[in-house]
Amino acid sequence: MGMGAFDKVNVKLGFSKYEGNQLDWIMKSSQHQILFYDRNQSVKPSDIRATDFDRYSFNNHMLFSQMRVQGGADYLKYIKNIFDSTSQHKEKFYDYDFLLFENIHEMINAIRKRENEVGLSRVVAGYAWAWETKGNNSLDYDIEIDGLRLKWNSVTKDWLNSENSVNEVGCIHTIQGYDLNYTGVIIGPEFIVDWESMEFRVDKEQYKDISGKRGVENEGELLAYIKNIYKTLMTRGIMGTYIYVSDSGLRRYLEQYIYKWSAYASCFFCNFFYSRT
């Protein structure tokens, strides 16, 4: 919510302007609460923090399985390990279509092919390009990669099911909480790997989400949000996830853990996998 609206809710519920947050509002407005919380999906500084729950006496239960991604818990763990730099070898998921693309045109075409075959296949990206087309009908694109021009989501409510969504690019704020069959993820130039130090880095100037970095001075905190964004985007697809990476260093890092589309597409197994749908 906007800062003004946030302050008004706090005052209305009896808090000072800066005292309460969404968790406090829920607790004050209800007698019984059942909350599902995943700290790995916190993507901006205004989100509820894990430590906020310490102020209340909840009975905690850990969920050990999930019912979205066909790659199962092993795939979710693998994604986490990749971004935590704890993966040790490349894994293949025979029930899940998980591929790295070197060419953005090929990835977009692959997602559109999947849309024609099974539906619910969309392209999403990190917020590394300004939303120039918002409220400006004279512009027809926001993102340009290797001569390919793409447009951010034209609507914010239920973008996934909107008429032109298959030809647009969604962001974390339009896709979080939704399920797709296939997700094409564009990792933007804001998320990079420094090969000299072998560390993930954030190029803050390339990160265009103002609310996502407002008040964040610590690079480690911003890096955690960026990682969570891509972890979330890469776990939306039920049947598969396709990835294109802007930064050459990050692409080189991910090549160690994700099979490339070019090599994978020419093998017998891939031909079988593609034909079965």
C-alpha atoms as a PDB file:
ATOM      1  CA  MET A   1       0.000   0.000   0.000  1.00  0.00           C
ATOM      2  CA  GLY A   2       1.018   3.633  -0.424  1.00  0.00           C
ATOM      3  CA  MET A   3       2.571   5.361   2.548  1.00  0.00           C
ATOM      4  CA  GLY A   4      -0.424   7.677   3.049  1.00  0.00           C
ATOM      5  CA  ALA A   5      -2.946   4.842   3.007  1.00  0.00           C
ATOM      6  CA  PHE A   6      -0.693   2.798   5.300  1.00  0.00           C
ATOM      7  CA  ASP A   7      -0.613   5.600   7.886  1.00  0.00           C
ATOM      8  CA  LYS A   8      -4.407   6.008   7.744  1.00  0.00           C
ATOM      9  CA  VAL A   9      -4.995   2.327   8.497  1.00  0.00           C
ATOM     10  CA  ASN A  10      -2.612   2.501  11.454  1.00  0.00           C
ATOM     11  CA  VAL A  11      -4.474   5.497  12.908  1.00  0.00           C
ATOM     12  CA  LYS A  12      -7.878   3.910  12.252  1.00  0.00           C
ATOM     13  CA  LEU A  13      -6.871   0.786  14.200  1.00  0.00           C
ATOM     14  CA  GLY A  14      -5.467   2.744  17.130  1.00  0.00           C
ATOM     15  CA  PHE A  15      -1.749   2.574  16.290  1.00  0.00           C
ATOM     16  CA  SER A  16       0.545   5.497  15.790  1.00  0.00           C
ATOM     17  CA  LYS A  17       1.379   6.279  12.147  1.00  0.00           C
ATOM     18  CA  TYR A  18       4.573   4.259  12.159  1.00  0.00           C
ATOM     19  CA  GLU A  19       3.800   1.652  14.826  1.00  0.00           C
ATOM     20  CA  GLY A  20       1.730  -1.057  13.164  1.00  0.00           C
ATOM     21  CA  ASN A  21       2.131  -3.254  10.095  1.00  0.00           C
ATOM     22  CA  GLN A  22      -0.108  -5.668   8.197  1.00  0.00           C
ATOM     23  CA  LEU A  23       0.440  -8.422  10.772  1.00  0.00           C
ATOM     24  CA  ASP A  24      -0.625  -6.084  13.584  1.00  0.00           C
ATOM     25  CA  TRP A  25      -3.739  -5.147  11.601  1.00  0.00           C
ATOM     26  CA  ILE A  26      -4.680  -8.814  11.150  1.00  0.00           C
ATOM     27  CA  MET A  27      -4.187  -9.548  14.837  1.00  0.00           C
ATOM     28  CA  LYS A  28      -6.256  -6.574  15.945  1.00  0.00           C
ATOM     29  CA  SER A  29      -9.065  -7.152  13.443  1.00  0.00           C
ATOM     30  CA  SER A  30      -9.677 -10.863  14.070  1.00  0.00           C
ATOM     31  CA  GLN A  31     -10.161 -13.363  16.868  1.00  0.00           C
ATOM     32  CA  HIS A  32      -8.564 -16.372  15.163  1.00  0.00           C
ATOM     33  CA  GLN A  33      -5.713 -16.434  12.654  1.00  0.00           C
ATOM     34  CA  ILE A  34      -4.243 -19.090  10.368  1.00  0.00           C
ATOM     35  CA  LEU A  35      -1.264 -17.622   8.535  1.00  0.00           C
ATOM     36  CA  PHE A  36       0.963 -19.067   5.820  1.00  0.00           C
ATOM     37  CA  TYR A  37       4.331 -17.327   5.764  1.00  0.00           C
ATOM     38  CA  ASP A  38       7.369 -17.936   3.565  1.00  0.00           C
ATOM     39  CA  ARG A  39      10.375 -15.750   4.316  1.00  0.00           C
ATOM     40  CA  ASN A  40      11.804 -16.685   0.899  1.00  0.00           C
ATOM     41  CA  GLN A  41       8.981 -14.729  -0.767  1.00  0.00           C
ATOM     42  CA  SER A  42       9.714 -11.434   0.983  1.00  0.00           C
ATOM     43  CA  VAL A  43      10.619  -9.114  -1.912  1.00  0.00           C
ATOM     44  CA  LYS A  44      10.531  -5.554  -0.576  1.00  0.00           C
ATOM     45  CA  PRO A  45      11.254  -3.674   2.658  1.00  0.00           C
ATOM     46  CA  SER A  46       7.566  -3.058   3.441  1.00  0.00           C
ATOM     47  CA  ASP A  47       6.902  -6.822   3.641  1.00  0.00           C
ATOM     48  CA  ILE A  48       6.347  -8.512   6.975  1.00  0.00           C
ATOM     49  CA  ARG A  49       9.660  -9.658   8.412  1.00  0.00           C
ATOM     50  CA  ALA A  50      10.168 -13.018  10.065  1.00  0.00           C
ATOM     51  CA  THR A  51      11.086 -11.297  13.337  1.00  0.00           C
ATOM     52  CA  ASP A  52       7.676  -9.549  13.437  1.00  0.00           C
ATOM     53  CA  PHE A  53       6.061 -12.874  14.304  1.00  0.00           C
ATOM     54  CA  ASP A  54       8.170 -13.106  17.461  1.00  0.00           C
ATOM     55  CA  ARG A  55       5.924 -10.525  19.121  1.00  0.00           C
ATOM     56  CA  TYR A  56       2.958 -12.910  19.031  1.00  0.00           C
ATOM     57  CA  SER A  57       2.461 -16.394  20.455  1.00  0.00           C
ATOM     58  CA  PHE A  58       1.723 -18.547  17.427  1.00  0.00           C
ATOM     59  CA  ASN A  59       1.679 -22.308  17.252  1.00  0.00           C
ATOM     60  CA  ASN A  60       4.169 -22.979  14.486  1.00  0.00           C
ATOM     61  CA  HIS A  61       3.930 -25.802  11.943  1.00  0.00           C
ATOM     62  CA  MET A  62       6.414 -26.480   9.149  1.00  0.00           C
ATOM     63  CA  LEU A  63       5.098 -27.544   5.737  1.00  0.00           C
ATOM     64  CA  PHE A  64       7.447 -30.088   4.162  1.00  0.00           C
ATOM     65  CA  SER A  65       5.762 -30.722   0.825  1.00  0.00           C
ATOM     66  CA  GLN A  66       4.145 -28.665  -1.919  1.00  0.00           C
ATOM     67  CA  MET A  67       1.605 -29.397  -4.649  1.00  0.00           C
ATOM     68  CA  ARG A  68       2.506 -26.872  -7.381  1.00  0.00           C
ATOM     69  CA  VAL A  69       5.728 -27.736  -9.166  1.00  0.00           C
ATOM     70  CA  GLN A  70       5.994 -31.195 -10.741  1.00  0.00           C
ATOM     71  CA  GLY A  71       9.700 -31.162  -9.906  1.00  0.00           C
ATOM     72  CA  GLY A  72       8.573 -31.458  -6.293  1.00  0.00           C
ATOM     73  CA  ALA A  73      10.446 -30.531  -3.153  1.00  0.00           C
ATOM     74  CA  ASP A  74      13.741 -31.521  -4.778  1.00  0.00           C
ATOM     75  CA  TYR A  75      13.330 -28.797  -7.408  1.00  0.00           C
ATOM     76  CA  LEU A  76      12.427 -26.146  -4.829  1.00  0.00           C
ATOM     77  CA  LYS A  77      15.456 -27.095  -2.761  1.00  0.00           C
ATOM     78  CA  TYR A  78      17.653 -27.007  -5.864  1.00  0.00           C
ATOM     79  CA  ILE A  79      16.540 -23.449  -6.717  1.00  0.00           C
ATOM     80  CA  LYS A  80      17.255 -22.344  -3.164  1.00  0.00           C
ATOM     81  CA  ASN A  81      20.688 -23.971  -3.243  1.00  0.00           C
ATOM     82  CA  ILE A  82      21.564 -22.288  -6.542  1.00  0.00           C
ATOM     83  CA  PHE A  83      20.917 -18.850  -5.094  1.00  0.00           C
ATOM     84  CA  ASP A  84      22.528 -19.724  -1.780  1.00  0.00           C
ATOM     85  CA  SER A  85      25.663 -20.972  -3.615  1.00  0.00           C
ATOM     86  CA  THR A  86      25.378 -24.402  -2.043  1.00  0.00           C
ATOM     87  CA  SER A  87      24.673 -26.473  -5.174  1.00  0.00           C
ATOM     88  CA  GLN A  88      27.518 -28.861  -5.941  1.00  0.00           C
ATOM     89  CA  HIS A  89      26.505 -30.444  -9.251  1.00  0.00           C
ATOM     90  CA  LYS A  90      24.024 -30.148 -12.109  1.00  0.00           C
ATOM     91  CA  GLU A  91      20.757 -32.016 -11.669  1.00  0.00           C
ATOM     92  CA  LYS A  92      18.212 -33.131 -14.251  1.00  0.00           C
ATOM     93  CA  PHE A  93      14.512 -33.251 -13.391  1.00  0.00           C
ATOM     94  CA  TYR A  94      12.845 -35.788 -15.650  1.00  0.00           C
ATOM     95  CA  ASP A  95       9.355 -34.699 -14.624  1.00  0.00           C
ATOM     96  CA  TYR A  96      10.123 -31.012 -14.991  1.00  0.00           C
ATOM     97  CA  ASP A  97      11.157 -28.908 -18.001  1.00  0.00           C
ATOM     98  CA  PHE A  98      13.949 -26.696 -16.593  1.00  0.00           C
ATOM     99  CA  LEU A  99      16.153 -25.029 -19.203  1.00  0.00           C
ATOM    100  CA  LEU A 100      18.533 -22.107 -19.692  1.00  0.00           C
ATOM    101  CA  PHE A 101      18.321 -20.113 -22.939  1.00  0.00           C
ATOM    102  CA  GLU A 102      21.145 -18.125 -24.488  1.00  0.00           C
ATOM    103  CA  ASN A 103      18.824 -16.391 -26.959  1.00  0.00           C
ATOM    104  CA  ILE A 104      15.863 -14.314 -25.769  1.00  0.00           C
ATOM    105  CA  HIS A 105      14.026 -14.777 -29.076  1.00  0.00           C
ATOM    106  CA  GLU A 106      14.175 -18.563 -28.683  1.00  0.00           C
ATOM    107  CA  MET A 107      12.867 -18.431 -25.132  1.00  0.00           C
ATOM    108  CA  ILE A 108       9.926 -16.218 -26.061  1.00  0.00           C
ATOM    109  CA  ASN A 109       9.080 -18.536 -28.964  1.00  0.00           C
ATOM    110  CA  ALA A 110       9.316 -21.578 -26.691  1.00  0.00           C
ATOM    111  CA  ILE A 111       6.893 -20.034 -24.186  1.00  0.00           C
ATOM    112  CA  ARG A 112       4.429 -19.143 -26.955  1.00  0.00           C
ATOM    113  CA  LYS A 113       4.674 -22.711 -28.246  1.00  0.00           C
ATOM    114  CA  ARG A 114       3.825 -23.976 -24.779  1.00  0.00           C
ATOM    115  CA  GLU A 115       0.918 -21.531 -24.586  1.00  0.00           C
ATOM    116  CA  ASN A 116      -0.521 -23.061 -27.751  1.00  0.00           C
ATOM    117  CA  GLU A 117       0.011 -26.592 -26.415  1.00  0.00           C
ATOM    118  CA  VAL A 118      -1.009 -26.442 -22.753  1.00  0.00           C
ATOM    119  CA  GLY A 119      -2.021 -22.819 -22.008  1.00  0.00           C
ATOM    120  CA  LEU A 120      -1.118 -20.710 -18.975  1.00  0.00           C
ATOM    121  CA  SER A 121       2.408 -20.009 -20.226  1.00  0.00           C
ATOM    122  CA  ARG A 122       3.735 -16.501 -19.586  1.00  0.00           C
ATOM    123  CA  VAL A 123       6.933 -14.453 -19.570  1.00  0.00           C
ATOM    124  CA  VAL A 124       7.963 -12.649 -16.392  1.00  0.00           C
ATOM    125  CA  ALA A 125      11.024 -10.616 -15.471  1.00  0.00           C
ATOM    126  CA  GLY A 126      12.891  -8.897 -12.695  1.00  0.00           C
ATOM    127  CA  TYR A 127      12.095  -5.207 -12.342  1.00  0.00           C
ATOM    128  CA  ALA A 128      15.193  -4.028 -14.234  1.00  0.00           C
ATOM    129  CA  TRP A 129      13.392  -1.914 -16.844  1.00  0.00           C
ATOM    130  CA  ALA A 130      11.300   1.176 -16.190  1.00  0.00           C
ATOM    131  CA  TRP A 131       7.554   0.937 -16.828  1.00  0.00           C
ATOM    132  CA  GLU A 132       7.567   3.638 -19.505  1.00  0.00           C
ATOM    133  CA  THR A 133       4.319   2.544 -21.179  1.00  0.00           C
ATOM    134  CA  LYS A 134       2.256   3.029 -18.020  1.00  0.00           C
ATOM    135  CA  GLY A 135      -0.232   5.753 -18.857  1.00  0.00           C
ATOM    136  CA  ASN A 136       1.559   6.539 -22.124  1.00  0.00           C
ATOM    137  CA  ASN A 137      -0.237   5.204 -25.188  1.00  0.00           C
ATOM    138  CA  SER A 138       2.382   6.619 -27.541  1.00  0.00           C
ATOM    139  CA  LEU A 139       4.937   4.025 -26.422  1.00  0.00           C
ATOM    140  CA  ASP A 140       4.712   0.361 -27.364  1.00  0.00           C
ATOM    141  CA  TYR A 141       7.599  -1.222 -25.418  1.00  0.00           C
ATOM    142  CA  ASP A 142       9.489  -1.035 -22.116  1.00  0.00           C
ATOM    143  CA  ILE A 143      12.119  -3.740 -22.521  1.00  0.00           C
ATOM    144  CA  GLU A 144      14.565  -4.202 -25.369  1.00  0.00           C
ATOM    145  CA  ILE A 145      16.951  -7.171 -25.477  1.00  0.00           C
ATOM    146  CA  ASP A 146      18.940  -8.086 -28.580  1.00  0.00           C
ATOM    147  CA  GLY A 147      16.511  -6.256 -30.834  1.00  0.00           C
ATOM    148  CA  LEU A 148      13.432  -7.813 -29.228  1.00  0.00           C
ATOM    149  CA  ARG A 149      10.991  -5.277 -27.802  1.00  0.00           C
ATOM    150  CA  LEU A 150       8.653  -6.300 -25.009  1.00  0.00           C
ATOM    151  CA  LYS A 151       6.013  -4.520 -22.965  1.00  0.00           C
ATOM    152  CA  TRP A 152       5.309  -4.711 -19.253  1.00  0.00           C
ATOM    153  CA  ASN A 153       1.875  -5.877 -18.119  1.00  0.00           C
ATOM    154  CA  SER A 154      -0.800  -3.454 -19.340  1.00  0.00           C
ATOM    155  CA  VAL A 155      -3.054  -4.244 -16.365  1.00  0.00           C
ATOM    156  CA  THR A 156      -2.241  -4.812 -12.707  1.00  0.00           C
ATOM    157  CA  LYS A 157      -5.338  -6.772 -11.670  1.00  0.00           C
ATOM    158  CA  ASP A 158      -5.444 -10.429 -12.718  1.00  0.00           C
ATOM    159  CA  TRP A 159      -2.858  -9.834 -15.447  1.00  0.00           C
ATOM    160  CA  LEU A 160      -2.380 -13.574 -15.965  1.00  0.00           C
ATOM    161  CA  ASN A 161      -5.906 -13.929 -17.354  1.00  0.00           C
ATOM    162  CA  SER A 162      -6.017 -10.628 -19.236  1.00  0.00           C
ATOM    163  CA  GLU A 163      -6.514 -10.640 -23.001  1.00  0.00           C
ATOM    164  CA  ASN A 164      -2.979  -9.709 -24.107  1.00  0.00           C
ATOM    165  CA  SER A 165      -0.920 -11.190 -21.274  1.00  0.00           C
ATOM    166  CA  VAL A 166       0.728 -13.826 -23.482  1.00  0.00           C
ATOM    167  CA  ASN A 167       2.338 -10.983 -25.481  1.00  0.00           C
ATOM    168  CA  GLU A 168       3.456  -9.021 -22.402  1.00  0.00           C
ATOM    169  CA  VAL A 169       5.893  -9.410 -19.509  1.00  0.00           C
ATOM    170  CA  GLY A 170       4.723  -9.713 -15.912  1.00  0.00           C
ATOM    171  CA  CYS A 171       6.708  -8.802 -12.812  1.00  0.00           C
ATOM    172  CA  ILE A 172       6.838 -10.168  -9.275  1.00  0.00           C
ATOM    173  CA  HIS A 173       3.893  -7.991  -8.242  1.00  0.00           C
ATOM    174  CA  THR A 174       1.600  -9.390 -10.955  1.00  0.00           C
ATOM    175  CA  ILE A 175       2.525 -13.079 -10.678  1.00  0.00           C
ATOM    176  CA  GLN A 176       3.145 -13.702  -6.968  1.00  0.00           C
ATOM    177  CA  GLY A 177       0.471 -16.096  -5.716  1.00  0.00           C
ATOM    178  CA  TYR A 178      -0.470 -17.371  -9.190  1.00  0.00           C
ATOM    179  CA  ASP A 179       0.219 -20.737 -10.801  1.00  0.00           C
ATOM    180  CA  LEU A 180       1.382 -21.146 -14.394  1.00  0.00           C
ATOM    181  CA  ASN A 181       1.986 -24.212 -16.518  1.00  0.00           C
ATOM    182  CA  TYR A 182       5.200 -22.757 -17.973  1.00  0.00           C
ATOM    183  CA  THR A 183       7.118 -19.692 -16.879  1.00  0.00           C
ATOM    184  CA  GLY A 184       9.698 -17.866 -18.970  1.00  0.00           C
ATOM    185  CA  VAL A 185      11.895 -15.892 -16.558  1.00  0.00           C
ATOM    186  CA  ILE A 186      14.054 -12.988 -17.729  1.00  0.00           C
ATOM    187  CA  ILE A 187      16.752 -12.266 -15.153  1.00  0.00           C
ATOM    188  CA  GLY A 188      17.631  -8.605 -15.608  1.00  0.00           C
ATOM    189  CA  PRO A 189      20.962  -6.746 -15.476  1.00  0.00           C
ATOM    190  CA  GLU A 190      20.341  -5.693 -11.870  1.00  0.00           C
ATOM    191  CA  PHE A 191      21.415  -9.158 -10.652  1.00  0.00           C
ATOM    192  CA  ILE A 192      25.021 -10.056 -11.462  1.00  0.00           C
ATOM    193  CA  VAL A 193      27.907 -12.288 -10.447  1.00  0.00           C
ATOM    194  CA  ASP A 194      31.355 -10.870  -9.737  1.00  0.00           C
ATOM    195  CA  TRP A 195      33.705 -13.626 -10.905  1.00  0.00           C
ATOM    196  CA  GLU A 196      36.730 -12.111  -9.167  1.00  0.00           C
ATOM    197  CA  SER A 197      35.121 -12.379  -5.741  1.00  0.00           C
ATOM    198  CA  MET A 198      32.701 -15.169  -6.789  1.00  0.00           C
ATOM    199  CA  GLU A 199      29.846 -13.283  -5.168  1.00  0.00           C
ATOM    200  CA  PHE A 200      26.333 -12.260  -6.197  1.00  0.00           C
ATOM    201  CA  ARG A 201      25.913  -8.506  -6.517  1.00  0.00           C
ATOM    202  CA  VAL A 202      23.107  -6.010  -7.136  1.00  0.00           C
ATOM    203  CA  ASP A 203      23.439  -3.094  -9.531  1.00  0.00           C
ATOM    204  CA  LYS A 204      21.129  -0.734  -7.662  1.00  0.00           C
ATOM    205  CA  GLU A 205      20.923   1.710 -10.561  1.00  0.00           C
ATOM    206  CA  GLN A 206      19.540  -1.042 -12.782  1.00  0.00           C
ATOM    207  CA  TYR A 207      16.853  -1.997 -10.271  1.00  0.00           C
ATOM    208  CA  LYS A 208      13.799   0.130 -11.172  1.00  0.00           C
ATOM    209  CA  ASP A 209      11.363  -0.827  -8.407  1.00  0.00           C
ATOM    210  CA  ILE A 210      11.366   2.328  -6.288  1.00  0.00           C
ATOM    211  CA  SER A 211       9.280   0.802  -3.493  1.00  0.00           C
ATOM    212  CA  GLY A 212      11.511  -2.277  -3.592  1.00  0.00           C
ATOM    213  CA  LYS A 213      14.635  -0.340  -2.661  1.00  0.00           C
ATOM    214  CA  ARG A 214      13.290   2.690  -0.809  1.00  0.00           C
ATOM    215  CA  GLY A 215      15.119   3.072   2.504  1.00  0.00           C
ATOM    216  CA  VAL A 216      17.372   0.066   1.894  1.00  0.00           C
ATOM    217  CA  GLU A 217      20.965   1.150   2.509  1.00  0.00           C
ATOM    218  CA  ASN A 218      22.463  -2.267   3.141  1.00  0.00           C
ATOM    219  CA  GLU A 219      23.411  -4.034  -0.105  1.00  0.00           C
ATOM    220  CA  GLY A 220      23.042  -7.410   1.573  1.00  0.00           C
ATOM    221  CA  GLU A 221      19.389  -6.710   2.390  1.00  0.00           C
ATOM    222  CA  LEU A 222      18.642  -5.591  -1.174  1.00  0.00           C
ATOM    223  CA  LEU A 223      20.461  -8.635  -2.538  1.00  0.00           C
ATOM    224  CA  ALA A 224      18.256 -10.881  -0.384  1.00  0.00           C
ATOM    225  CA  TYR A 225      15.123  -9.274  -1.863  1.00  0.00           C
ATOM    226  CA  ILE A 226      16.420  -9.696  -5.423  1.00  0.00           C
ATOM    227  CA  LYS A 227      17.249 -13.357  -4.792  1.00  0.00           C
ATOM    228  CA  ASN A 228      13.786 -13.929  -3.347  1.00  0.00           C
ATOM    229  CA  ILE A 229      12.190 -12.334  -6.398  1.00  0.00           C
ATOM    230  CA  TYR A 230      13.905 -14.778  -8.722  1.00  0.00           C
ATOM    231  CA  LYS A 231      13.338 -17.744  -6.425  1.00  0.00           C
ATOM    232  CA  THR A 232       9.635 -16.910  -6.516  1.00  0.00           C
ATOM    233  CA  LEU A 233       9.505 -16.354 -10.282  1.00  0.00           C
ATOM    234  CA  MET A 234      11.304 -19.643 -10.878  1.00  0.00           C
ATOM    235  CA  THR A 235       8.787 -21.604  -8.803  1.00  0.00           C
ATOM    236  CA  ARG A 236       5.544 -20.443 -10.478  1.00  0.00           C
ATOM    237  CA  GLY A 237       5.567 -22.991 -13.299  1.00  0.00           C
ATOM    238  CA  ILE A 238       3.824 -26.326 -12.698  1.00  0.00           C
ATOM    239  CA  MET A 239       5.304 -28.092 -15.724  1.00  0.00           C
ATOM    240  CA  GLY A 240       8.425 -26.109 -16.479  1.00  0.00           C
ATOM    241  CA  THR A 241      10.598 -23.003 -16.160  1.00  0.00           C
ATOM    242  CA  TYR A 242      12.651 -21.412 -18.941  1.00  0.00           C
ATOM    243  CA  ILE A 243      15.332 -18.853 -18.099  1.00  0.00           C
ATOM    244  CA  TYR A 244      17.147 -16.100 -19.961  1.00  0.00           C
ATOM    245  CA  VAL A 245      19.919 -14.193 -18.166  1.00  0.00           C
ATOM    246  CA  SER A 246      21.074 -10.669 -19.042  1.00  0.00           C
ATOM    247  CA  ASP A 247      24.395 -10.656 -17.173  1.00  0.00           C
ATOM    248  CA  SER A 248      27.094 -12.804 -18.779  1.00  0.00           C
ATOM    249  CA  GLY A 249      28.699 -13.597 -15.431  1.00  0.00           C
ATOM    250  CA  LEU A 250      25.438 -14.812 -13.917  1.00  0.00           C
ATOM    251  CA  ARG A 251      24.692 -16.808 -17.060  1.00  0.00           C
ATOM    252  CA  ARG A 252      28.090 -18.471 -16.750  1.00  0.00           C
ATOM    253  CA  TYR A 253      27.325 -19.320 -13.124  1.00  0.00           C
ATOM    254  CA  LEU A 254      23.893 -20.780 -13.918  1.00  0.00           C
ATOM    255  CA  GLU A 255      25.283 -22.860 -16.783  1.00  0.00           C
ATOM    256  CA  GLN A 256      26.945 -24.976 -14.098  1.00  0.00           C
ATOM    257  CA  TYR A 257      23.524 -26.014 -12.746  1.00  0.00           C
ATOM    258  CA  ILE A 258      20.928 -25.668 -15.514  1.00  0.00           C
ATOM    259  CA  TYR A 259      20.943 -27.540 -18.807  1.00  0.00           C
ATOM    260  CA  LYS A 260      21.020 -25.331 -21.894  1.00  0.00           C
ATOM    261  CA  TRP A 261      18.109 -25.382 -24.290  1.00  0.00           C
ATOM    262  CA  SER A 262      20.336 -25.661 -27.380  1.00  0.00           C
ATOM    263  CA  ALA A 263      22.049 -28.849 -26.236  1.00  0.00           C
ATOM    264  CA  TYR A 264      18.982 -30.264 -24.522  1.00  0.00           C
ATOM    265  CA  ALA A 265      16.650 -29.668 -27.459  1.00  0.00           C
ATOM    266  CA  SER A 266      18.763 -31.797 -29.794  1.00  0.00           C
ATOM    267  CA  CYS A 267      18.848 -34.889 -27.609  1.00  0.00           C
ATOM    268  CA  PHE A 268      16.485 -37.827 -27.971  1.00  0.00           C
ATOM    269  CA  PHE A 269      15.062 -37.392 -24.483  1.00  0.00           C
ATOM    270  CA  CYS A 270      14.074 -33.805 -25.202  1.00  0.00           C
ATOM    271  CA  ASN A 271      12.330 -34.782 -28.432  1.00  0.00           C
ATOM    272  CA  PHE A 272      10.380 -37.378 -26.486  1.00  0.00           C
ATOM    273  CA  PHE A 273       9.541 -34.875 -23.736  1.00  0.00           C
ATOM    274  CA  TYR A 274       8.304 -32.271 -26.212  1.00  0.00           C
ATOM    275  CA  SER A 275       6.242 -34.776 -28.203  1.00  0.00           C
ATOM    276  CA  ARG A 276       4.391 -36.164 -25.219  1.00  0.00           C
ATOM    277  CA  THR A 277       2.522 -32.863 -24.715  1.00  0.00           C
END
